[in-house]
N, C-alpha and C. Protein backbone atom coordinates (compact mmCIF):
# COMPACT_ATOMS: atom_id res chain seq x y z
N MET A 1 76.77 -150.06 -17.27
CA MET A 1 75.00 -149.77 -17.21
C MET A 1 74.78 -149.75 -15.64
N GLN A 2 74.22 -148.49 -15.24
CA GLN A 2 73.83 -148.28 -14.02
C GLN A 2 72.08 -148.04 -14.01
N SER A 3 71.42 -149.11 -13.19
CA SER A 3 70.12 -148.66 -13.63
C SER A 3 69.32 -149.15 -12.07
N THR A 4 68.32 -148.41 -11.87
CA THR A 4 67.87 -148.52 -10.43
C THR A 4 66.10 -148.76 -10.88
N ASN A 5 65.48 -149.96 -10.37
CA ASN A 5 63.79 -150.15 -10.23
C ASN A 5 63.91 -149.62 -8.78
N GLU A 6 62.57 -149.06 -8.69
CA GLU A 6 61.89 -148.43 -7.42
C GLU A 6 60.39 -148.87 -7.46
N ILE A 7 60.02 -149.01 -6.05
CA ILE A 7 58.29 -148.97 -6.23
C ILE A 7 58.11 -148.89 -4.73
N THR A 8 57.09 -148.02 -4.41
CA THR A 8 56.79 -148.15 -2.95
C THR A 8 55.47 -148.69 -2.80
N ILE A 9 55.52 -149.75 -1.80
CA ILE A 9 54.30 -150.87 -1.08
C ILE A 9 53.56 -150.22 -0.13
N LEU A 10 52.43 -149.79 -0.41
CA LEU A 10 51.73 -149.01 0.74
C LEU A 10 51.84 -150.02 1.87
N GLY A 11 51.78 -149.09 3.24
CA GLY A 11 51.01 -149.97 4.22
C GLY A 11 52.34 -149.79 5.48
N ASP A 12 52.22 -150.46 6.51
CA ASP A 12 53.29 -150.44 7.72
C ASP A 12 54.35 -150.52 7.04
N PRO A 13 55.43 -149.74 7.01
CA PRO A 13 56.86 -150.41 6.88
C PRO A 13 57.10 -151.42 7.64
N ASP A 14 57.09 -151.58 9.02
CA ASP A 14 57.79 -152.35 9.98
C ASP A 14 56.83 -153.97 9.87
N ALA A 15 55.86 -153.79 9.19
CA ALA A 15 55.09 -154.90 9.12
C ALA A 15 55.66 -155.15 7.41
N LEU A 16 55.80 -154.60 6.33
CA LEU A 16 56.07 -154.60 5.23
C LEU A 16 57.56 -155.20 5.10
N LYS A 17 58.43 -154.89 5.57
CA LYS A 17 59.95 -155.23 5.22
C LYS A 17 60.15 -156.70 5.79
N PRO A 18 59.37 -157.27 6.49
CA PRO A 18 59.97 -158.89 6.92
C PRO A 18 59.60 -159.84 5.71
N HIS A 19 58.04 -159.27 4.93
CA HIS A 19 57.41 -159.78 4.12
C HIS A 19 58.40 -159.63 2.78
N VAL A 20 58.54 -158.51 2.40
CA VAL A 20 59.52 -158.36 1.34
C VAL A 20 60.87 -158.98 1.35
N TYR A 21 61.64 -159.44 2.43
CA TYR A 21 62.75 -159.49 2.59
C TYR A 21 62.54 -161.03 1.90
N LYS A 22 61.60 -161.64 2.65
CA LYS A 22 61.18 -163.26 2.65
C LYS A 22 61.13 -163.37 1.09
N LEU A 23 60.13 -162.68 0.52
CA LEU A 23 59.83 -162.91 -0.87
C LEU A 23 60.95 -162.57 -2.06
N ALA A 24 61.80 -161.39 -1.27
CA ALA A 24 62.97 -161.47 -2.11
C ALA A 24 64.19 -162.54 -1.88
N ALA A 25 63.76 -163.06 -0.70
CA ALA A 25 65.08 -164.12 -0.12
C ALA A 25 64.88 -165.19 -1.04
N ASN A 26 63.48 -165.59 -0.77
CA ASN A 26 63.10 -166.99 -1.06
C ASN A 26 63.20 -167.23 -3.17
N ILE A 27 64.18 -167.16 -3.46
CA ILE A 27 64.64 -167.14 -5.01
C ILE A 27 63.68 -168.26 -5.32
N GLN A 28 63.91 -169.59 -4.72
CA GLN A 28 63.29 -170.67 -5.25
C GLN A 28 61.68 -170.78 -5.30
N GLU A 29 60.72 -169.33 -4.58
CA GLU A 29 59.59 -169.46 -5.08
C GLU A 29 59.09 -168.41 -6.00
N TRP A 30 59.85 -167.88 -6.21
CA TRP A 30 59.64 -167.21 -7.42
C TRP A 30 58.77 -167.40 -8.89
N PRO A 31 58.93 -168.57 -9.57
CA PRO A 31 58.12 -168.90 -10.56
C PRO A 31 56.86 -169.42 -9.75
N SER A 32 56.48 -169.71 -8.73
CA SER A 32 55.13 -169.91 -8.38
C SER A 32 54.36 -168.29 -7.94
N ILE A 33 55.29 -167.23 -7.87
CA ILE A 33 54.52 -166.00 -7.76
C ILE A 33 54.78 -164.64 -8.50
N LEU A 34 55.63 -165.20 -9.54
CA LEU A 34 56.09 -164.05 -10.49
C LEU A 34 55.91 -164.90 -11.89
N PRO A 35 54.94 -164.51 -12.68
CA PRO A 35 54.37 -165.31 -13.89
C PRO A 35 55.41 -164.96 -14.98
N HIS A 36 56.26 -164.29 -14.98
CA HIS A 36 57.52 -164.19 -15.97
C HIS A 36 58.71 -164.87 -15.55
N TYR A 37 58.54 -165.53 -14.31
CA TYR A 37 59.95 -166.58 -14.14
C TYR A 37 59.29 -167.82 -14.50
N ARG A 38 60.00 -168.45 -15.33
CA ARG A 38 60.13 -169.82 -15.90
C ARG A 38 60.32 -171.08 -15.13
N TYR A 39 61.97 -170.97 -14.47
CA TYR A 39 62.32 -171.45 -13.13
C TYR A 39 63.16 -171.18 -12.37
N VAL A 40 63.54 -171.03 -11.55
CA VAL A 40 65.02 -171.08 -10.48
C VAL A 40 64.80 -172.47 -9.60
N ARG A 41 66.58 -172.76 -10.54
CA ARG A 41 67.11 -173.88 -9.36
C ARG A 41 68.16 -173.96 -8.81
N VAL A 42 68.00 -173.93 -7.52
CA VAL A 42 69.04 -173.78 -6.44
C VAL A 42 70.16 -174.78 -6.91
N LEU A 43 71.52 -174.24 -7.00
CA LEU A 43 72.41 -175.24 -7.17
C LEU A 43 73.57 -175.57 -5.69
N GLU A 44 73.04 -174.72 -5.32
CA GLU A 44 74.09 -174.62 -3.53
C GLU A 44 73.19 -173.26 -2.77
N GLN A 45 73.57 -173.92 -1.04
CA GLN A 45 72.96 -173.22 -0.73
C GLN A 45 73.45 -172.89 0.81
N SER A 46 73.49 -171.69 1.71
CA SER A 46 73.86 -171.94 2.99
C SER A 46 72.63 -171.03 3.72
N ARG A 47 72.94 -170.53 4.68
CA ARG A 47 72.23 -169.86 5.43
C ARG A 47 72.30 -168.47 5.00
N ARG A 48 73.20 -167.99 4.33
CA ARG A 48 73.56 -166.67 4.17
C ARG A 48 73.71 -166.68 2.76
N HIS A 49 73.87 -167.33 1.86
CA HIS A 49 73.67 -167.48 0.38
C HIS A 49 72.92 -168.71 -0.63
N LYS A 50 72.88 -168.80 -1.75
CA LYS A 50 72.66 -169.26 -2.74
C LYS A 50 72.98 -169.11 -3.91
N VAL A 51 73.60 -170.51 -4.57
CA VAL A 51 73.59 -170.32 -5.86
C VAL A 51 72.58 -170.72 -6.92
N ALA A 52 72.09 -170.00 -8.17
CA ALA A 52 70.72 -170.66 -8.45
C ALA A 52 70.81 -170.37 -10.04
N LYS A 53 70.31 -171.05 -11.21
CA LYS A 53 69.92 -170.95 -12.49
C LYS A 53 68.66 -170.29 -12.33
N PHE A 54 68.50 -169.46 -13.05
CA PHE A 54 67.42 -168.50 -13.21
C PHE A 54 66.93 -168.33 -14.82
N GLY A 55 65.47 -168.69 -14.94
CA GLY A 55 64.89 -168.70 -16.30
C GLY A 55 63.82 -167.68 -16.42
N ALA A 56 63.63 -166.83 -17.20
CA ALA A 56 62.49 -165.98 -17.28
C ALA A 56 62.00 -165.77 -18.74
N ARG A 57 61.46 -164.74 -18.66
CA ARG A 57 60.62 -164.15 -20.04
C ARG A 57 60.47 -162.66 -20.21
N ARG A 58 60.66 -162.47 -21.15
CA ARG A 58 60.88 -160.75 -21.52
C ARG A 58 59.97 -161.09 -22.74
N GLY A 59 58.58 -160.92 -22.76
CA GLY A 59 57.80 -160.95 -23.96
C GLY A 59 57.55 -162.43 -24.38
N TYR A 60 58.37 -162.66 -25.36
CA TYR A 60 58.24 -163.85 -26.25
C TYR A 60 59.90 -164.17 -25.71
N PHE A 61 60.65 -163.65 -25.47
CA PHE A 61 61.65 -164.18 -25.27
C PHE A 61 62.41 -164.70 -24.08
N PRO A 62 62.80 -166.27 -24.03
CA PRO A 62 63.39 -166.37 -23.04
C PRO A 62 64.35 -166.06 -22.57
N VAL A 63 65.15 -165.83 -21.50
CA VAL A 63 66.47 -165.03 -21.05
C VAL A 63 66.78 -166.32 -19.83
N TYR A 64 67.99 -166.46 -19.52
CA TYR A 64 68.68 -167.06 -18.27
C TYR A 64 69.57 -166.66 -17.76
N TRP A 65 70.22 -166.97 -16.72
CA TRP A 65 71.24 -166.50 -16.31
C TRP A 65 71.80 -167.15 -15.00
N LYS A 66 72.84 -167.25 -14.42
CA LYS A 66 73.23 -167.85 -12.99
C LYS A 66 73.65 -166.90 -12.18
N ALA A 67 73.76 -166.96 -11.27
CA ALA A 67 73.97 -165.64 -10.09
C ALA A 67 73.78 -166.32 -8.54
N ARG A 68 74.50 -166.07 -7.52
CA ARG A 68 75.04 -166.03 -6.49
C ARG A 68 74.33 -164.93 -5.27
N GLN A 69 73.36 -165.18 -4.98
CA GLN A 69 72.70 -164.48 -3.78
C GLN A 69 73.00 -164.69 -2.41
N ASN A 70 73.64 -163.25 -1.80
CA ASN A 70 74.14 -163.25 -0.57
C ASN A 70 72.93 -162.25 0.36
N LEU A 71 72.39 -163.13 1.53
CA LEU A 71 71.62 -162.68 2.13
C LEU A 71 72.04 -161.83 3.70
N TYR A 72 71.79 -160.83 3.93
CA TYR A 72 71.92 -160.22 4.88
C TYR A 72 70.77 -159.86 5.91
N PRO A 73 70.11 -160.52 6.55
CA PRO A 73 69.07 -160.05 7.08
C PRO A 73 68.73 -159.31 8.22
N GLU A 74 69.88 -159.01 9.05
CA GLU A 74 70.07 -158.00 10.00
C GLU A 74 70.13 -156.55 9.07
N THR A 75 70.20 -156.37 8.15
CA THR A 75 70.14 -155.17 7.60
C THR A 75 68.87 -154.98 6.06
N SER A 76 68.47 -156.25 6.29
CA SER A 76 67.20 -156.20 5.14
C SER A 76 67.68 -156.11 3.77
N ARG A 77 69.18 -156.60 3.19
CA ARG A 77 69.72 -156.39 2.07
C ARG A 77 69.77 -157.63 1.42
N ILE A 78 70.04 -157.73 0.41
CA ILE A 78 70.20 -158.53 -0.57
C ILE A 78 70.65 -158.32 -1.99
N THR A 79 72.05 -158.79 -2.05
CA THR A 79 73.02 -158.88 -3.31
C THR A 79 72.92 -159.89 -4.22
N PHE A 80 72.94 -159.76 -5.14
CA PHE A 80 73.12 -160.89 -6.25
C PHE A 80 74.46 -160.80 -7.25
N GLU A 81 75.09 -161.32 -7.42
CA GLU A 81 76.13 -161.39 -8.26
C GLU A 81 76.30 -162.20 -9.31
N HIS A 82 75.85 -161.69 -10.65
CA HIS A 82 75.72 -162.69 -11.63
C HIS A 82 76.68 -163.34 -12.24
N THR A 83 77.28 -164.86 -12.63
CA THR A 83 77.85 -165.45 -12.68
C THR A 83 78.08 -166.27 -14.17
N GLY A 84 76.88 -166.19 -14.99
CA GLY A 84 76.34 -166.70 -16.30
C GLY A 84 75.66 -166.13 -16.66
N GLY A 85 75.25 -166.21 -18.24
CA GLY A 85 74.54 -165.58 -18.83
C GLY A 85 74.95 -164.37 -19.26
N ILE A 86 74.01 -163.77 -19.99
CA ILE A 86 74.01 -162.25 -20.84
C ILE A 86 74.58 -161.51 -20.03
N THR A 87 74.02 -161.17 -18.76
CA THR A 87 74.34 -160.55 -17.16
C THR A 87 75.34 -161.08 -16.67
N ARG A 88 76.40 -161.60 -16.90
CA ARG A 88 77.90 -162.04 -15.99
C ARG A 88 77.93 -160.97 -15.85
N ARG A 89 78.60 -160.90 -14.93
CA ARG A 89 79.42 -160.04 -14.18
C ARG A 89 78.34 -158.96 -13.54
N MET A 90 76.83 -158.84 -13.55
CA MET A 90 76.28 -157.82 -13.25
C MET A 90 75.73 -157.62 -11.77
N GLN A 91 76.43 -156.72 -10.68
CA GLN A 91 76.08 -156.97 -9.60
C GLN A 91 74.75 -156.27 -9.30
N VAL A 92 74.02 -156.57 -8.28
CA VAL A 92 72.52 -156.05 -7.87
C VAL A 92 72.35 -156.11 -6.59
N GLU A 93 71.62 -154.99 -6.00
CA GLU A 93 70.86 -154.80 -4.53
C GLU A 93 69.88 -154.66 -4.55
N TRP A 94 69.48 -155.66 -3.61
CA TRP A 94 67.65 -154.83 -3.02
C TRP A 94 68.18 -154.28 -1.61
N ARG A 95 67.29 -153.24 -1.89
CA ARG A 95 67.38 -152.18 -0.69
C ARG A 95 65.92 -152.21 -0.19
N MET A 96 65.41 -152.18 1.01
CA MET A 96 64.31 -151.36 1.93
C MET A 96 64.12 -150.57 2.67
N GLN A 97 63.49 -149.15 1.98
CA GLN A 97 63.86 -148.22 3.27
C GLN A 97 62.24 -147.71 3.67
N PRO A 98 62.17 -147.48 4.85
CA PRO A 98 60.56 -146.77 5.33
C PRO A 98 60.80 -145.34 4.37
N CYS A 99 59.46 -145.08 4.13
CA CYS A 99 59.20 -143.87 3.08
C CYS A 99 57.68 -143.48 3.63
N GLU A 100 57.27 -142.15 3.49
CA GLU A 100 56.02 -141.96 4.03
C GLU A 100 55.00 -142.62 3.21
N GLY A 101 54.00 -143.38 3.72
CA GLY A 101 52.78 -144.04 3.42
C GLY A 101 53.24 -145.46 3.15
N GLY A 102 54.43 -145.97 3.20
CA GLY A 102 54.79 -147.55 3.04
C GLY A 102 56.11 -147.69 3.42
N LEU A 103 56.95 -148.67 2.29
CA LEU A 103 57.76 -148.62 2.05
C LEU A 103 58.65 -149.11 0.87
N ARG A 104 59.58 -148.57 0.28
CA ARG A 104 60.43 -148.24 -0.74
C ARG A 104 61.37 -149.45 -0.77
N VAL A 105 61.12 -149.93 -2.11
CA VAL A 105 61.92 -151.27 -2.19
C VAL A 105 62.74 -150.58 -3.63
N THR A 106 64.06 -150.83 -3.37
CA THR A 106 64.81 -150.34 -4.61
C THR A 106 65.57 -151.67 -5.37
N ILE A 107 65.58 -151.87 -6.56
CA ILE A 107 66.64 -152.59 -7.00
C ILE A 107 67.94 -151.82 -7.56
N TYR A 108 68.98 -151.92 -7.70
CA TYR A 108 70.31 -151.60 -7.82
C TYR A 108 70.86 -152.62 -8.94
N HIS A 109 71.19 -152.29 -10.22
CA HIS A 109 71.91 -152.75 -11.10
C HIS A 109 73.04 -152.25 -11.72
N GLU A 110 74.24 -152.84 -11.82
CA GLU A 110 75.43 -151.89 -12.47
C GLU A 110 76.19 -153.40 -13.36
N LEU A 111 76.28 -153.20 -14.45
CA LEU A 111 76.52 -153.89 -15.70
C LEU A 111 77.41 -153.33 -16.34
N SER A 112 78.89 -153.96 -16.86
CA SER A 112 79.88 -153.21 -17.59
C SER A 112 80.63 -154.56 -18.30
N TYR A 113 80.83 -154.28 -19.48
CA TYR A 113 81.12 -155.28 -20.54
C TYR A 113 82.52 -154.75 -20.69
N PRO A 114 83.76 -155.46 -20.85
CA PRO A 114 84.87 -154.78 -21.24
C PRO A 114 85.41 -154.62 -22.61
N ILE A 115 84.48 -154.52 -23.37
CA ILE A 115 84.72 -154.03 -24.61
C ILE A 115 84.08 -152.49 -24.72
N PRO A 116 85.51 -151.48 -25.23
CA PRO A 116 85.62 -150.54 -25.52
C PRO A 116 84.24 -149.75 -26.33
N VAL A 117 83.67 -148.60 -26.02
CA VAL A 117 82.54 -148.60 -27.12
C VAL A 117 81.11 -149.07 -27.10
N LEU A 118 81.31 -150.10 -27.84
CA LEU A 118 80.23 -151.18 -28.23
C LEU A 118 79.79 -151.70 -26.81
N GLY A 119 80.84 -152.28 -25.38
CA GLY A 119 80.28 -153.00 -24.58
C GLY A 119 79.38 -152.13 -23.64
N PRO A 120 79.88 -150.96 -23.48
CA PRO A 120 78.55 -149.70 -22.83
C PRO A 120 77.33 -149.64 -23.57
N LEU A 121 77.40 -149.42 -24.51
CA LEU A 121 76.16 -149.15 -25.32
C LEU A 121 75.19 -150.23 -25.46
N PHE A 122 75.75 -151.86 -25.43
CA PHE A 122 75.04 -153.16 -25.41
C PHE A 122 74.57 -152.68 -24.35
N ALA A 123 75.19 -152.83 -22.98
CA ALA A 123 74.93 -153.37 -21.82
C ALA A 123 73.64 -152.24 -21.26
N ARG A 124 73.88 -151.03 -21.83
CA ARG A 124 72.77 -149.78 -21.40
C ARG A 124 71.57 -150.26 -22.41
N ASN A 125 71.42 -150.24 -23.76
CA ASN A 125 70.26 -150.17 -24.60
C ASN A 125 69.78 -151.42 -25.02
N VAL A 126 70.31 -152.34 -24.78
CA VAL A 126 70.19 -153.98 -24.87
C VAL A 126 70.06 -154.56 -23.75
N VAL A 127 70.99 -155.18 -23.10
CA VAL A 127 70.37 -155.92 -21.75
C VAL A 127 69.54 -154.93 -20.86
N GLY A 128 70.51 -153.93 -20.33
CA GLY A 128 69.32 -152.88 -19.31
C GLY A 128 68.08 -152.50 -19.68
N LYS A 129 68.02 -151.88 -20.81
CA LYS A 129 66.48 -151.18 -21.03
C LYS A 129 65.32 -152.30 -21.20
N TYR A 130 66.01 -153.31 -22.25
CA TYR A 130 65.10 -154.22 -22.53
C TYR A 130 65.15 -155.52 -21.91
N PHE A 131 65.78 -155.87 -21.01
CA PHE A 131 65.70 -156.81 -20.39
C PHE A 131 65.70 -156.65 -18.63
N VAL A 132 66.75 -156.27 -18.18
CA VAL A 132 66.88 -156.08 -16.76
C VAL A 132 65.79 -155.19 -16.17
N GLN A 133 65.70 -153.67 -16.94
CA GLN A 133 64.65 -152.96 -16.68
C GLN A 133 63.10 -153.60 -16.33
N HIS A 134 63.22 -154.57 -17.57
CA HIS A 134 61.69 -154.84 -17.78
C HIS A 134 61.45 -155.99 -16.73
N ILE A 135 62.34 -157.12 -16.63
CA ILE A 135 61.69 -158.04 -15.46
C ILE A 135 62.37 -157.12 -14.16
N ALA A 136 63.10 -156.67 -13.84
CA ALA A 136 62.95 -156.27 -12.23
C ALA A 136 61.40 -155.37 -11.90
N ASP A 137 61.14 -154.55 -13.05
CA ASP A 137 60.11 -153.50 -13.23
C ASP A 137 58.86 -154.66 -12.58
N GLN A 138 58.60 -156.25 -13.53
CA GLN A 138 57.58 -156.99 -13.63
C GLN A 138 57.74 -158.10 -11.46
N THR A 139 58.70 -157.77 -11.45
CA THR A 139 58.93 -158.39 -10.05
C THR A 139 58.51 -157.49 -9.22
N LEU A 140 59.13 -156.28 -9.41
CA LEU A 140 58.62 -155.07 -8.08
C LEU A 140 56.85 -155.16 -8.15
N GLN A 141 56.62 -154.88 -9.13
CA GLN A 141 55.03 -154.99 -9.47
C GLN A 141 54.39 -156.04 -8.91
N CYS A 142 54.67 -157.24 -9.09
CA CYS A 142 54.17 -158.53 -8.30
C CYS A 142 54.09 -158.53 -6.98
N PHE A 143 55.35 -157.84 -6.54
CA PHE A 143 55.78 -157.97 -4.68
C PHE A 143 54.57 -156.77 -4.50
N LYS A 144 54.63 -155.49 -5.11
CA LYS A 144 53.53 -154.93 -4.59
C LYS A 144 51.86 -155.32 -4.51
N GLN A 145 51.57 -156.10 -5.56
CA GLN A 145 50.27 -156.47 -5.62
C GLN A 145 50.32 -157.68 -4.41
N LEU A 146 50.97 -158.72 -4.31
CA LEU A 146 51.16 -159.96 -3.13
C LEU A 146 51.01 -158.80 -1.84
N LEU A 147 51.82 -157.89 -1.93
CA LEU A 147 51.58 -157.32 -0.22
C LEU A 147 50.84 -156.46 -0.17
N GLU A 148 50.43 -155.70 -0.73
CA GLU A 148 49.13 -154.81 -0.56
C GLU A 148 48.01 -155.71 -0.34
N GLY A 149 47.61 -156.56 -0.99
CA GLY A 149 46.60 -157.52 -0.99
C GLY A 149 46.15 -158.03 0.23
N LEU A 150 47.42 -158.13 1.17
CA LEU A 150 47.92 -159.10 2.37
C LEU A 150 47.19 -157.79 3.57
N HIS A 151 47.91 -156.86 3.31
CA HIS A 151 47.11 -155.61 4.51
C HIS A 151 46.38 -154.95 4.24
């Protein structure tokens, strides 16, 4: 399963980029700004990475996973490698690009299960469409509302 979530945040891209990066990097703050997140527990961290357990909601369904976040502030890029939960082995990358009228924020997801036929179907149709796409869309919408409200 490969999927992309994308949103344009309106405003000056040079002013927006550090704010988006900070919001995305500070995963420990997500439950206080993202209503669909139940918790984020940072288990390990350094200047360039964090390992955390995440809990979110998809409607009434609780979801959880564990991931390692890698921070690349010089390129405003953030990656996640999911190491636990139903999304184990998923690779995620956040990118930010100036665009007309604002800043385009894109989240790329790639997940495969090592089970022929059923693995890709389950990854795409259940995990991808129902959980990953929905939660990432909510996250980007909240970031957009927060940041456009500031500028």
